[in-house]
Amino acid sequence: MTSPSSHRTATEQLQGVCPHCGAAVLVHERFCEVCGSPLAGTGPTAPPSQAAVPRAEFIAGAAAAVSDLGLRRRRNEDAVAMTVAGDGVVVALCDGVASTANAHHASDRASIAALRSLERGASAVGSSVPELLGAAFRSAQEAVCTVRDDDAAGRELSPSTTMVAAVTSPGAVAVGNVGDSRAYWLSASAQRRLTVDDSWAEELVAEGTPREEAYADPEAHTITRWLGPDATSVEPTITTFEVLEPGLLVLCSDGLWNYFEQAERLAPQLGLTEGTSSLILAHRLVDAALAEGGHDNVTVAVIPVAPLPTTASVSEE
């Protein structure tokens, strides 16, 4: 288990960065796949790739994330990267599409590229949050398109991943998604899903099919949008809302929500008590998924968000 410091991105801690072009690289690689520069002697000295770590944890200020291999998979194809940005947090969570080549590289690179884009945008003057999220998804798309498609297991489909990303600040949350990685909002008075999956089931629901019937369809979880060379659109679906009471933004891969699809089912798994850290809460959600079977990789990010502080007005007599 690793506990990266909050000022670096989570995935960089687990992989490394090419000293020549800044692209994400794995610790065992001898040459950068993006610029071709040799890495011997100057390559990353980080711990092994997230794909080889049974469970990894990440911290960014009061926010935290946990990624677990699950009970049935040999490789973790999820990835998460997060950091503090100003008085909030930016985070990108990806789930590599298992049927595609080098899906673990696709998710790793997408999360790093998106986070870097969000970090740069958060410090820029005049950029709107939807613009920041759109730019982050385009950067992630470019990164996924650098992943090699010569998969050792013989998968012929181009490397692909889903992604959900968020920007938080006091009083505000914005999330964007492509694919079926999700965002939820959990507070004392509201538990709701913020994202709509790009999936066959959600297309059926949009056409009027009852939700239960749509999700019983054999093709229910087939995604209709993703990041990768074969993607037709990578512009995220964006949701923004005003935070009026303290709550938790939860981002997750389908390794969690397959077991707790409704927001009302997620909240009880947290066992919320005052002062419980985000890291403990993220572990609890991952553990809950494993207790239900853990058929997939499970990745969860928990970000506390508070409302804007109120300013008492003082009238002069």
C-alpha atoms as a PDB file:
ATOM      1  CA  MET A   1       0.000   0.000   0.000  1.00  0.00           C
ATOM      2  CA  THR A   2       1.361   3.424  -0.855  1.00  0.00           C
ATOM      3  CA  SER A   3       0.534   6.844   0.528  1.00  0.00           C
ATOM      4  CA  PRO A   4       1.720   9.477  -1.936  1.00  0.00           C
ATOM      5  CA  SER A   5       2.122  13.026  -0.712  1.00  0.00           C
ATOM      6  CA  SER A   6      -0.662  15.422  -1.601  1.00  0.00           C
ATOM      7  CA  HIS A   7       1.388  17.693  -3.835  1.00  0.00           C
ATOM      8  CA  ARG A   8       2.059  15.069  -6.495  1.00  0.00           C
ATOM      9  CA  THR A   9      -0.360  13.205  -8.678  1.00  0.00           C
ATOM     10  CA  ALA A  10      -1.287   9.751  -7.524  1.00  0.00           C
ATOM     11  CA  THR A  11      -0.380   7.923 -10.703  1.00  0.00           C
ATOM     12  CA  GLU A  12       2.986   9.664 -11.059  1.00  0.00           C
ATOM     13  CA  GLN A  13       3.909   8.184  -7.679  1.00  0.00           C
ATOM     14  CA  LEU A  14       3.214   4.720  -9.013  1.00  0.00           C
ATOM     15  CA  GLN A  15       4.641   5.041 -12.486  1.00  0.00           C
ATOM     16  CA  GLY A  16       7.027   7.847 -13.274  1.00  0.00           C
ATOM     17  CA  VAL A  17       7.506  10.539 -15.867  1.00  0.00           C
ATOM     18  CA  CYS A  18       9.821  10.688 -18.874  1.00  0.00           C
ATOM     19  CA  PRO A  19      12.494  13.310 -18.037  1.00  0.00           C
ATOM     20  CA  HIS A  20      12.603  14.369 -21.696  1.00  0.00           C
ATOM     21  CA  CYS A  21       8.971  14.936 -22.688  1.00  0.00           C
ATOM     22  CA  GLY A  22       6.990  14.458 -19.464  1.00  0.00           C
ATOM     23  CA  ALA A  23       4.918  11.517 -20.706  1.00  0.00           C
ATOM     24  CA  ALA A  24       3.846   8.803 -18.264  1.00  0.00           C
ATOM     25  CA  VAL A  25       6.143   5.771 -18.281  1.00  0.00           C
ATOM     26  CA  LEU A  26       6.225   2.504 -16.399  1.00  0.00           C
ATOM     27  CA  VAL A  27       9.218   1.707 -14.225  1.00  0.00           C
ATOM     28  CA  HIS A  28      10.345  -1.240 -16.351  1.00  0.00           C
ATOM     29  CA  GLU A  29      10.278   0.605 -19.681  1.00  0.00           C
ATOM     30  CA  ARG A  30      13.647   1.289 -21.325  1.00  0.00           C
ATOM     31  CA  PHE A  31      12.377   3.836 -23.835  1.00  0.00           C
ATOM     32  CA  CYS A  32       9.632   6.443 -23.685  1.00  0.00           C
ATOM     33  CA  GLU A  33       6.742   5.344 -25.916  1.00  0.00           C
ATOM     34  CA  VAL A  34       5.905   8.974 -26.755  1.00  0.00           C
ATOM     35  CA  CYS A  35       9.237  10.590 -27.647  1.00  0.00           C
ATOM     36  CA  GLY A  36      11.438   7.483 -27.935  1.00  0.00           C
ATOM     37  CA  SER A  37      14.098   8.788 -25.537  1.00  0.00           C
ATOM     38  CA  PRO A  38      16.102   6.186 -23.581  1.00  0.00           C
ATOM     39  CA  LEU A  39      15.173   5.888 -19.930  1.00  0.00           C
ATOM     40  CA  ALA A  40      18.095   3.781 -18.678  1.00  0.00           C
ATOM     41  CA  GLY A  41      19.927   5.633 -15.936  1.00  0.00           C
ATOM     42  CA  THR A  42      17.481   8.533 -15.985  1.00  0.00           C
ATOM     43  CA  GLY A  43      14.193   6.691 -15.815  1.00  0.00           C
ATOM     44  CA  PRO A  44      11.678   6.852 -12.989  1.00  0.00           C
ATOM     45  CA  THR A  45      12.514   5.471  -9.578  1.00  0.00           C
ATOM     46  CA  ALA A  46       8.931   5.241  -8.372  1.00  0.00           C
ATOM     47  CA  PRO A  47       7.409   2.026  -6.950  1.00  0.00           C
ATOM     48  CA  PRO A  48       5.913  -0.531  -9.375  1.00  0.00           C
ATOM     49  CA  SER A  49       2.981   0.376 -11.584  1.00  0.00           C
ATOM     50  CA  GLN A  50      -0.440   0.610 -10.024  1.00  0.00           C
ATOM     51  CA  ALA A  51      -1.352  -2.400 -12.139  1.00  0.00           C
ATOM     52  CA  ALA A  52       0.871  -4.568  -9.937  1.00  0.00           C
ATOM     53  CA  VAL A  53      -0.187  -3.193  -6.525  1.00  0.00           C
ATOM     54  CA  PRO A  54      -3.037  -5.147  -4.850  1.00  0.00           C
ATOM     55  CA  ARG A  55      -4.323  -1.981  -3.149  1.00  0.00           C
ATOM     56  CA  ALA A  56      -3.074   1.585  -3.407  1.00  0.00           C
ATOM     57  CA  GLU A  57      -4.191   4.700  -1.594  1.00  0.00           C
ATOM     58  CA  PHE A  58      -3.804   8.360  -2.477  1.00  0.00           C
ATOM     59  CA  ILE A  59      -4.246  11.581  -0.511  1.00  0.00           C
ATOM     60  CA  ALA A  60      -4.791  15.163  -1.678  1.00  0.00           C
ATOM     61  CA  GLY A  61      -5.578  17.521   1.178  1.00  0.00           C
ATOM     62  CA  ALA A  62      -8.790  16.301   2.825  1.00  0.00           C
ATOM     63  CA  ALA A  63      -9.604  14.117  -0.187  1.00  0.00           C
ATOM     64  CA  ALA A  64      -8.458  10.534  -0.690  1.00  0.00           C
ATOM     65  CA  ALA A  65      -8.752   7.639  -3.099  1.00  0.00           C
ATOM     66  CA  VAL A  66      -8.263   3.883  -2.967  1.00  0.00           C
ATOM     67  CA  SER A  67      -7.758   1.483  -5.875  1.00  0.00           C
ATOM     68  CA  ASP A  68      -7.965  -2.267  -5.418  1.00  0.00           C
ATOM     69  CA  LEU A  69      -7.204  -5.147  -7.774  1.00  0.00           C
ATOM     70  CA  GLY A  70     -10.414  -6.925  -6.781  1.00  0.00           C
ATOM     71  CA  LEU A  71     -10.797 -10.651  -6.207  1.00  0.00           C
ATOM     72  CA  ARG A  72     -11.034 -11.946  -9.776  1.00  0.00           C
ATOM     73  CA  ARG A  73      -8.612  -9.864 -11.873  1.00  0.00           C
ATOM     74  CA  ARG A  74      -4.883 -10.353 -12.452  1.00  0.00           C
ATOM     75  CA  ARG A  75      -4.252  -6.730 -13.361  1.00  0.00           C
ATOM     76  CA  ASN A  76      -5.667  -3.432 -12.158  1.00  0.00           C
ATOM     77  CA  GLU A  77      -6.842  -1.493 -15.208  1.00  0.00           C
ATOM     78  CA  ASP A  78      -8.279   1.377 -13.141  1.00  0.00           C
ATOM     79  CA  ALA A  79      -6.295   4.531 -12.443  1.00  0.00           C
ATOM     80  CA  VAL A  80      -6.793   7.679 -10.412  1.00  0.00           C
ATOM     81  CA  ALA A  81      -4.880  10.949 -10.122  1.00  0.00           C
ATOM     82  CA  MET A  82      -5.748  13.805  -7.777  1.00  0.00           C
ATOM     83  CA  THR A  83      -4.234  16.910  -6.266  1.00  0.00           C
ATOM     84  CA  VAL A  84      -5.085  20.072  -4.379  1.00  0.00           C
ATOM     85  CA  ALA A  85      -5.755  23.052  -6.644  1.00  0.00           C
ATOM     86  CA  GLY A  86      -6.292  26.387  -4.938  1.00  0.00           C
ATOM     87  CA  ASP A  87      -8.925  25.928  -2.246  1.00  0.00           C
ATOM     88  CA  GLY A  88     -10.335  22.796  -3.857  1.00  0.00           C
ATOM     89  CA  VAL A  89      -9.369  19.483  -5.411  1.00  0.00           C
ATOM     90  CA  VAL A  90      -9.107  18.225  -8.982  1.00  0.00           C
ATOM     91  CA  VAL A  91      -9.322  14.511  -9.710  1.00  0.00           C
ATOM     92  CA  ALA A  92      -9.496  12.173 -12.696  1.00  0.00           C
ATOM     93  CA  LEU A  93     -10.583   8.543 -12.348  1.00  0.00           C
ATOM     94  CA  CYS A  94     -10.346   6.090 -15.248  1.00  0.00           C
ATOM     95  CA  ASP A  95     -11.377   2.507 -15.932  1.00  0.00           C
ATOM     96  CA  GLY A  96      -9.522   0.858 -18.790  1.00  0.00           C
ATOM     97  CA  VAL A  97     -11.761  -1.114 -21.151  1.00  0.00           C
ATOM     98  CA  ALA A  98     -10.704  -4.699 -20.474  1.00  0.00           C
ATOM     99  CA  SER A  99     -11.392  -5.965 -23.986  1.00  0.00           C
ATOM    100  CA  THR A 100      -8.927  -3.487 -25.529  1.00  0.00           C
ATOM    101  CA  ALA A 101      -5.152  -3.579 -25.860  1.00  0.00           C
ATOM    102  CA  ASN A 102      -3.049  -2.290 -22.948  1.00  0.00           C
ATOM    103  CA  ALA A 103      -6.078  -0.928 -21.127  1.00  0.00           C
ATOM    104  CA  HIS A 104      -4.028  -0.359 -17.965  1.00  0.00           C
ATOM    105  CA  HIS A 105      -1.695   1.980 -19.853  1.00  0.00           C
ATOM    106  CA  ALA A 106      -4.684   3.782 -21.359  1.00  0.00           C
ATOM    107  CA  SER A 107      -6.225   4.526 -17.967  1.00  0.00           C
ATOM    108  CA  ASP A 108      -2.906   5.509 -16.390  1.00  0.00           C
ATOM    109  CA  ARG A 109      -1.992   7.950 -19.128  1.00  0.00           C
ATOM    110  CA  ALA A 110      -5.462   9.417 -19.381  1.00  0.00           C
ATOM    111  CA  SER A 111      -5.639  10.142 -15.650  1.00  0.00           C
ATOM    112  CA  ILE A 112      -2.228  11.823 -15.599  1.00  0.00           C
ATOM    113  CA  ALA A 113      -2.899  13.912 -18.715  1.00  0.00           C
ATOM    114  CA  ALA A 114      -6.298  15.013 -17.446  1.00  0.00           C
ATOM    115  CA  LEU A 115      -4.933  15.988 -14.061  1.00  0.00           C
ATOM    116  CA  ARG A 116      -2.113  18.032 -15.541  1.00  0.00           C
ATOM    117  CA  SER A 117      -4.591  19.832 -17.761  1.00  0.00           C
ATOM    118  CA  LEU A 118      -6.876  20.559 -14.824  1.00  0.00           C
ATOM    119  CA  GLU A 119      -3.955  21.808 -12.723  1.00  0.00           C
ATOM    120  CA  ARG A 120      -2.846  24.190 -15.462  1.00  0.00           C
ATOM    121  CA  GLY A 121      -6.378  25.381 -16.082  1.00  0.00           C
ATOM    122  CA  ALA A 122      -7.127  25.933 -12.400  1.00  0.00           C
ATOM    123  CA  SER A 123      -4.301  28.466 -12.208  1.00  0.00           C
ATOM    124  CA  ALA A 124      -5.332  30.275 -15.413  1.00  0.00           C
ATOM    125  CA  VAL A 125      -7.350  33.471 -15.247  1.00  0.00           C
ATOM    126  CA  GLY A 126     -10.708  33.612 -16.993  1.00  0.00           C
ATOM    127  CA  SER A 127     -11.198  29.916 -17.737  1.00  0.00           C
ATOM    128  CA  SER A 128     -14.619  28.501 -16.927  1.00  0.00           C
ATOM    129  CA  VAL A 129     -14.919  25.122 -15.240  1.00  0.00           C
ATOM    130  CA  PRO A 130     -16.708  23.506 -18.221  1.00  0.00           C
ATOM    131  CA  GLU A 131     -13.850  24.699 -20.435  1.00  0.00           C
ATOM    132  CA  LEU A 132     -11.328  23.196 -17.988  1.00  0.00           C
ATOM    133  CA  LEU A 133     -13.092  19.842 -18.033  1.00  0.00           C
ATOM    134  CA  GLY A 134     -13.418  19.813 -21.808  1.00  0.00           C
ATOM    135  CA  ALA A 135      -9.706  20.542 -22.202  1.00  0.00           C
ATOM    136  CA  ALA A 136      -8.856  17.811 -19.691  1.00  0.00           C
ATOM    137  CA  PHE A 137     -10.787  15.184 -21.648  1.00  0.00           C
ATOM    138  CA  ARG A 138      -9.157  16.237 -24.893  1.00  0.00           C
ATOM    139  CA  SER A 139      -5.726  15.974 -23.253  1.00  0.00           C
ATOM    140  CA  ALA A 140      -6.630  12.535 -21.936  1.00  0.00           C
ATOM    141  CA  GLN A 141      -7.735  11.484 -25.409  1.00  0.00           C
ATOM    142  CA  GLU A 142      -4.385  12.544 -26.863  1.00  0.00           C
ATOM    143  CA  ALA A 143      -2.573  10.585 -24.157  1.00  0.00           C
ATOM    144  CA  VAL A 144      -4.560   7.398 -24.781  1.00  0.00           C
ATOM    145  CA  CYS A 145      -3.784   7.638 -28.482  1.00  0.00           C
ATOM    146  CA  THR A 146      -0.055   7.313 -27.642  1.00  0.00           C
ATOM    147  CA  VAL A 147      -0.545   3.873 -26.055  1.00  0.00           C
ATOM    148  CA  ARG A 148       0.789   1.026 -28.162  1.00  0.00           C
ATOM    149  CA  ASP A 149      -1.726  -1.486 -29.479  1.00  0.00           C
ATOM    150  CA  ASP A 150       0.594  -4.514 -29.576  1.00  0.00           C
ATOM    151  CA  ASP A 151      -1.001  -6.191 -26.609  1.00  0.00           C
ATOM    152  CA  ALA A 152       0.801  -9.192 -25.092  1.00  0.00           C
ATOM    153  CA  ALA A 153      -2.512 -11.000 -24.648  1.00  0.00           C
ATOM    154  CA  GLY A 154      -3.409 -10.541 -28.304  1.00  0.00           C
ATOM    155  CA  ARG A 155      -6.268  -8.060 -27.818  1.00  0.00           C
ATOM    156  CA  GLU A 156      -6.817  -6.352 -31.161  1.00  0.00           C
ATOM    157  CA  LEU A 157      -9.121  -3.494 -30.200  1.00  0.00           C
ATOM    158  CA  SER A 158      -7.407  -0.115 -29.775  1.00  0.00           C
ATOM    159  CA  PRO A 159      -6.496   0.935 -26.204  1.00  0.00           C
ATOM    160  CA  SER A 160      -9.498   2.576 -24.557  1.00  0.00           C
ATOM    161  CA  THR A 161     -10.674   3.866 -21.194  1.00  0.00           C
ATOM    162  CA  THR A 162     -13.619   5.574 -19.557  1.00  0.00           C
ATOM    163  CA  MET A 163     -13.099   8.642 -17.369  1.00  0.00           C
ATOM    164  CA  VAL A 164     -14.888  10.766 -14.807  1.00  0.00           C
ATOM    165  CA  ALA A 165     -13.204  13.975 -13.637  1.00  0.00           C
ATOM    166  CA  ALA A 166     -14.125  16.603 -11.103  1.00  0.00           C
ATOM    167  CA  VAL A 167     -13.236  20.112 -10.015  1.00  0.00           C
ATOM    168  CA  THR A 168     -14.302  21.187  -6.531  1.00  0.00           C
ATOM    169  CA  SER A 169     -14.166  24.412  -4.575  1.00  0.00           C
ATOM    170  CA  PRO A 170     -16.061  25.693  -1.529  1.00  0.00           C
ATOM    171  CA  GLY A 171     -19.702  25.871  -2.547  1.00  0.00           C
ATOM    172  CA  ALA A 172     -19.304  24.260  -5.956  1.00  0.00           C
ATOM    173  CA  VAL A 173     -18.800  20.916  -7.683  1.00  0.00           C
ATOM    174  CA  ALA A 174     -18.363  20.211 -11.392  1.00  0.00           C
ATOM    175  CA  VAL A 175     -17.984  16.769 -12.915  1.00  0.00           C
ATOM    176  CA  GLY A 176     -17.526  15.497 -16.451  1.00  0.00           C
ATOM    177  CA  ASN A 177     -17.722  11.960 -17.763  1.00  0.00           C
ATOM    178  CA  VAL A 178     -17.268   9.831 -20.840  1.00  0.00           C
ATOM    179  CA  GLY A 179     -18.210   6.177 -20.435  1.00  0.00           C
ATOM    180  CA  ASP A 180     -19.561   4.574 -17.275  1.00  0.00           C
ATOM    181  CA  SER A 181     -17.258   5.715 -14.472  1.00  0.00           C
ATOM    182  CA  ARG A 182     -19.526   7.633 -12.129  1.00  0.00           C
ATOM    183  CA  ALA A 183     -19.879  10.515  -9.684  1.00  0.00           C
ATOM    184  CA  TYR A 184     -22.255  10.629  -6.709  1.00  0.00           C
ATOM    185  CA  TRP A 185     -23.146  13.355  -4.211  1.00  0.00           C
ATOM    186  CA  LEU A 186     -23.868  12.277  -0.638  1.00  0.00           C
ATOM    187  CA  SER A 187     -24.980  14.726   2.047  1.00  0.00           C
ATOM    188  CA  ALA A 188     -27.354  14.756   5.004  1.00  0.00           C
ATOM    189  CA  SER A 189     -30.351  15.761   2.917  1.00  0.00           C
ATOM    190  CA  ALA A 190     -29.448  14.461  -0.535  1.00  0.00           C
ATOM    191  CA  GLN A 191     -28.006  11.318  -2.109  1.00  0.00           C
ATOM    192  CA  ARG A 192     -27.889  11.480  -5.884  1.00  0.00           C
ATOM    193  CA  ARG A 193     -25.994  10.276  -8.909  1.00  0.00           C
ATOM    194  CA  LEU A 194     -24.453  13.161 -10.823  1.00  0.00           C
ATOM    195  CA  THR A 195     -23.450  11.400 -14.033  1.00  0.00           C
ATOM    196  CA  VAL A 196     -25.338   9.512 -16.718  1.00  0.00           C
ATOM    197  CA  ASP A 197     -23.493   6.549 -18.227  1.00  0.00           C
ATOM    198  CA  ASP A 198     -22.686   6.373 -21.891  1.00  0.00           C
ATOM    199  CA  SER A 199     -24.055   2.838 -22.092  1.00  0.00           C
ATOM    200  CA  TRP A 200     -26.576   0.675 -23.901  1.00  0.00           C
ATOM    201  CA  ALA A 201     -28.762   0.514 -20.779  1.00  0.00           C
ATOM    202  CA  GLU A 202     -28.957   4.293 -20.428  1.00  0.00           C
ATOM    203  CA  GLU A 203     -29.803   4.646 -24.114  1.00  0.00           C
ATOM    204  CA  LEU A 204     -32.702   2.247 -23.560  1.00  0.00           C
ATOM    205  CA  VAL A 205     -33.822   4.243 -20.511  1.00  0.00           C
ATOM    206  CA  ALA A 206     -33.682   7.470 -22.530  1.00  0.00           C
ATOM    207  CA  GLU A 207     -35.951   5.817 -25.124  1.00  0.00           C
ATOM    208  CA  GLY A 208     -38.518   4.956 -22.456  1.00  0.00           C
ATOM    209  CA  THR A 209     -37.534   1.450 -21.352  1.00  0.00           C
ATOM    210  CA  PRO A 210     -38.066   0.952 -17.584  1.00  0.00           C
ATOM    211  CA  ARG A 211     -34.738   1.111 -15.780  1.00  0.00           C
ATOM    212  CA  GLU A 212     -35.007  -2.383 -14.297  1.00  0.00           C
ATOM    213  CA  GLU A 213     -35.742  -3.857 -17.712  1.00  0.00           C
ATOM    214  CA  ALA A 214     -32.925  -1.900 -19.372  1.00  0.00           C
ATOM    215  CA  TYR A 215     -30.334  -3.087 -16.870  1.00  0.00           C
ATOM    216  CA  ALA A 216     -31.529  -6.689 -17.247  1.00  0.00           C
ATOM    217  CA  ASP A 217     -30.604  -6.572 -20.938  1.00  0.00           C
ATOM    218  CA  PRO A 218     -27.541  -8.747 -21.725  1.00  0.00           C
ATOM    219  CA  GLU A 219     -25.890  -5.734 -23.386  1.00  0.00           C
ATOM    220  CA  ALA A 220     -26.762  -3.345 -20.549  1.00  0.00           C
ATOM    221  CA  HIS A 221     -23.174  -2.514 -19.593  1.00  0.00           C
ATOM    222  CA  THR A 222     -21.837  -2.126 -23.118  1.00  0.00           C
ATOM    223  CA  ILE A 223     -20.410   1.394 -23.249  1.00  0.00           C
ATOM    224  CA  THR A 224     -21.263   3.657 -26.171  1.00  0.00           C
ATOM    225  CA  ARG A 225     -18.548   6.290 -25.612  1.00  0.00           C
ATOM    226  CA  TRP A 226     -14.935   6.067 -24.467  1.00  0.00           C
ATOM    227  CA  LEU A 227     -11.492   7.636 -24.838  1.00  0.00           C
ATOM    228  CA  GLY A 228      -9.201   6.081 -27.423  1.00  0.00           C
ATOM    229  CA  PRO A 229      -8.264   6.014 -31.122  1.00  0.00           C
ATOM    230  CA  ASP A 230     -11.661   4.603 -32.083  1.00  0.00           C
ATOM    231  CA  ALA A 231     -13.651   7.190 -30.093  1.00  0.00           C
ATOM    232  CA  THR A 232     -16.252   9.175 -32.010  1.00  0.00           C
ATOM    233  CA  SER A 233     -16.696  11.922 -29.392  1.00  0.00           C
ATOM    234  CA  VAL A 234     -14.654  12.727 -26.283  1.00  0.00           C
ATOM    235  CA  GLU A 235     -16.498  15.859 -25.176  1.00  0.00           C
ATOM    236  CA  PRO A 236     -17.631  15.155 -21.616  1.00  0.00           C
ATOM    237  CA  THR A 237     -21.149  15.378 -20.304  1.00  0.00           C
ATOM    238  CA  ILE A 238     -20.796  18.041 -17.619  1.00  0.00           C
ATOM    239  CA  THR A 239     -22.821  18.544 -14.453  1.00  0.00           C
ATOM    240  CA  THR A 240     -22.350  21.497 -12.102  1.00  0.00           C
ATOM    241  CA  PHE A 241     -24.175  22.325  -8.917  1.00  0.00           C
ATOM    242  CA  GLU A 242     -24.072  24.606  -5.913  1.00  0.00           C
ATOM    243  CA  VAL A 243     -23.159  23.029  -2.583  1.00  0.00           C
ATOM    244  CA  LEU A 244     -25.458  24.284   0.176  1.00  0.00           C
ATOM    245  CA  GLU A 245     -24.469  21.872   2.938  1.00  0.00           C
ATOM    246  CA  PRO A 246     -21.352  19.823   3.721  1.00  0.00           C
ATOM    247  CA  GLY A 247     -21.189  16.602   1.773  1.00  0.00           C
ATOM    248  CA  LEU A 248     -19.053  14.089  -0.058  1.00  0.00           C
ATOM    249  CA  LEU A 249     -18.343  13.831  -3.753  1.00  0.00           C
ATOM    250  CA  VAL A 250     -17.689  10.171  -4.592  1.00  0.00           C
ATOM    251  CA  LEU A 251     -16.115   9.162  -7.897  1.00  0.00           C
ATOM    252  CA  CYS A 252     -15.882   5.467  -8.707  1.00  0.00           C
ATOM    253  CA  SER A 253     -15.352   2.805 -11.331  1.00  0.00           C
ATOM    254  CA  ASP A 254     -18.046   0.228 -12.045  1.00  0.00           C
ATOM    255  CA  GLY A 255     -16.263  -2.173  -9.718  1.00  0.00           C
ATOM    256  CA  LEU A 256     -18.115  -0.328  -6.949  1.00  0.00           C
ATOM    257  CA  TRP A 257     -21.381   0.825  -8.489  1.00  0.00           C
ATOM    258  CA  ASN A 258     -22.200  -2.567  -9.999  1.00  0.00           C
ATOM    259  CA  TYR A 259     -23.004  -3.580  -6.416  1.00  0.00           C
ATOM    260  CA  PHE A 260     -24.447  -0.272  -5.175  1.00  0.00           C
ATOM    261  CA  GLU A 261     -26.043   1.292  -8.221  1.00  0.00           C
ATOM    262  CA  GLN A 262     -28.318   3.703  -6.351  1.00  0.00           C
ATOM    263  CA  ALA A 263     -26.863   6.553  -4.323  1.00  0.00           C
ATOM    264  CA  GLU A 264     -29.146   5.593  -1.436  1.00  0.00           C
ATOM    265  CA  ARG A 265     -27.345   2.240  -1.244  1.00  0.00           C
ATOM    266  CA  LEU A 266     -23.895   3.816  -1.240  1.00  0.00           C
ATOM    267  CA  ALA A 267     -24.392   6.058   1.768  1.00  0.00           C
ATOM    268  CA  PRO A 268     -24.973   3.252   4.328  1.00  0.00           C
ATOM    269  CA  GLN A 269     -21.681   1.605   3.329  1.00  0.00           C
ATOM    270  CA  LEU A 270     -19.777   4.633   4.623  1.00  0.00           C
ATOM    271  CA  GLY A 271     -20.831   4.289   8.250  1.00  0.00           C
ATOM    272  CA  LEU A 272     -20.482   8.046   8.563  1.00  0.00           C
ATOM    273  CA  THR A 273     -19.408   9.452  11.889  1.00  0.00           C
ATOM    274  CA  GLU A 274     -18.108  12.929  12.523  1.00  0.00           C
ATOM    275  CA  GLY A 275     -14.392  13.268  11.863  1.00  0.00           C
ATOM    276  CA  THR A 276     -14.001  10.083   9.792  1.00  0.00           C
ATOM    277  CA  SER A 277     -11.261  10.673   7.224  1.00  0.00           C
ATOM    278  CA  SER A 278     -11.863  10.435   3.497  1.00  0.00           C
ATOM    279  CA  LEU A 279      -9.234   7.707   3.293  1.00  0.00           C
ATOM    280  CA  ILE A 280     -11.108   5.504   5.756  1.00  0.00           C
ATOM    281  CA  LEU A 281     -14.362   6.140   3.895  1.00  0.00           C
ATOM    282  CA  ALA A 282     -12.772   5.199   0.566  1.00  0.00           C
ATOM    283  CA  HIS A 283     -11.457   1.965   2.098  1.00  0.00           C
ATOM    284  CA  ARG A 284     -14.923   1.176   3.450  1.00  0.00           C
ATOM    285  CA  LEU A 285     -16.503   1.516   0.014  1.00  0.00           C
ATOM    286  CA  VAL A 286     -13.835  -0.663  -1.585  1.00  0.00           C
ATOM    287  CA  ASP A 287     -14.233  -3.261   1.162  1.00  0.00           C
ATOM    288  CA  ALA A 288     -17.994  -3.242   0.624  1.00  0.00           C
ATOM    289  CA  ALA A 289     -17.510  -4.042  -3.062  1.00  0.00           C
ATOM    290  CA  LEU A 290     -15.122  -6.878  -2.233  1.00  0.00           C
ATOM    291  CA  ALA A 291     -17.598  -8.254   0.299  1.00  0.00           C
ATOM    292  CA  GLU A 292     -20.200  -8.390  -2.478  1.00  0.00           C
ATOM    293  CA  GLY A 293     -17.905 -10.425  -4.722  1.00  0.00           C
ATOM    294  CA  GLY A 294     -15.192  -8.089  -6.001  1.00  0.00           C
ATOM    295  CA  HIS A 295     -15.502  -9.317  -9.580  1.00  0.00           C
ATOM    296  CA  ASP A 296     -13.772  -6.244 -11.012  1.00  0.00           C
ATOM    297  CA  ASN A 297     -11.097  -3.708 -10.139  1.00  0.00           C
ATOM    298  CA  VAL A 298     -12.505  -1.231  -7.608  1.00  0.00           C
ATOM    299  CA  THR A 299     -11.459   2.409  -7.452  1.00  0.00           C
ATOM    300  CA  VAL A 300     -13.070   5.093  -5.288  1.00  0.00           C
ATOM    301  CA  ALA A 301     -12.254   8.753  -4.635  1.00  0.00           C
ATOM    302  CA  VAL A 302     -13.906  10.618  -1.757  1.00  0.00           C
ATOM    303  CA  ILE A 303     -13.773  14.425  -1.738  1.00  0.00           C
ATOM    304  CA  PRO A 304     -15.374  16.453   1.072  1.00  0.00           C
ATOM    305  CA  VAL A 305     -16.948  19.699  -0.138  1.00  0.00           C
ATOM    306  CA  ALA A 306     -18.280  22.442   2.105  1.00  0.00           C
ATOM    307  CA  PRO A 307     -20.606  25.328   1.263  1.00  0.00           C
ATOM    308  CA  LEU A 308     -19.294  28.843   0.974  1.00  0.00           C
ATOM    309  CA  PRO A 309     -18.880  30.409   4.418  1.00  0.00           C
ATOM    310  CA  THR A 310     -21.642  32.821   5.298  1.00  0.00           C
ATOM    311  CA  THR A 311     -20.720  36.378   6.124  1.00  0.00           C
ATOM    312  CA  ALA A 312     -22.796  37.944   8.850  1.00  0.00           C
ATOM    313  CA  SER A 313     -23.855  41.452   8.009  1.00  0.00           C
ATOM    314  CA  VAL A 314     -23.428  44.055  10.694  1.00  0.00           C
ATOM    315  CA  SER A 315     -25.640  47.132  10.570  1.00  0.00           C
ATOM    316  CA  GLU A 316     -24.398  50.346  12.010  1.00  0.00           C
ATOM    317  CA  GLU A 317     -26.714  52.290  14.217  1.00  0.00           C
END
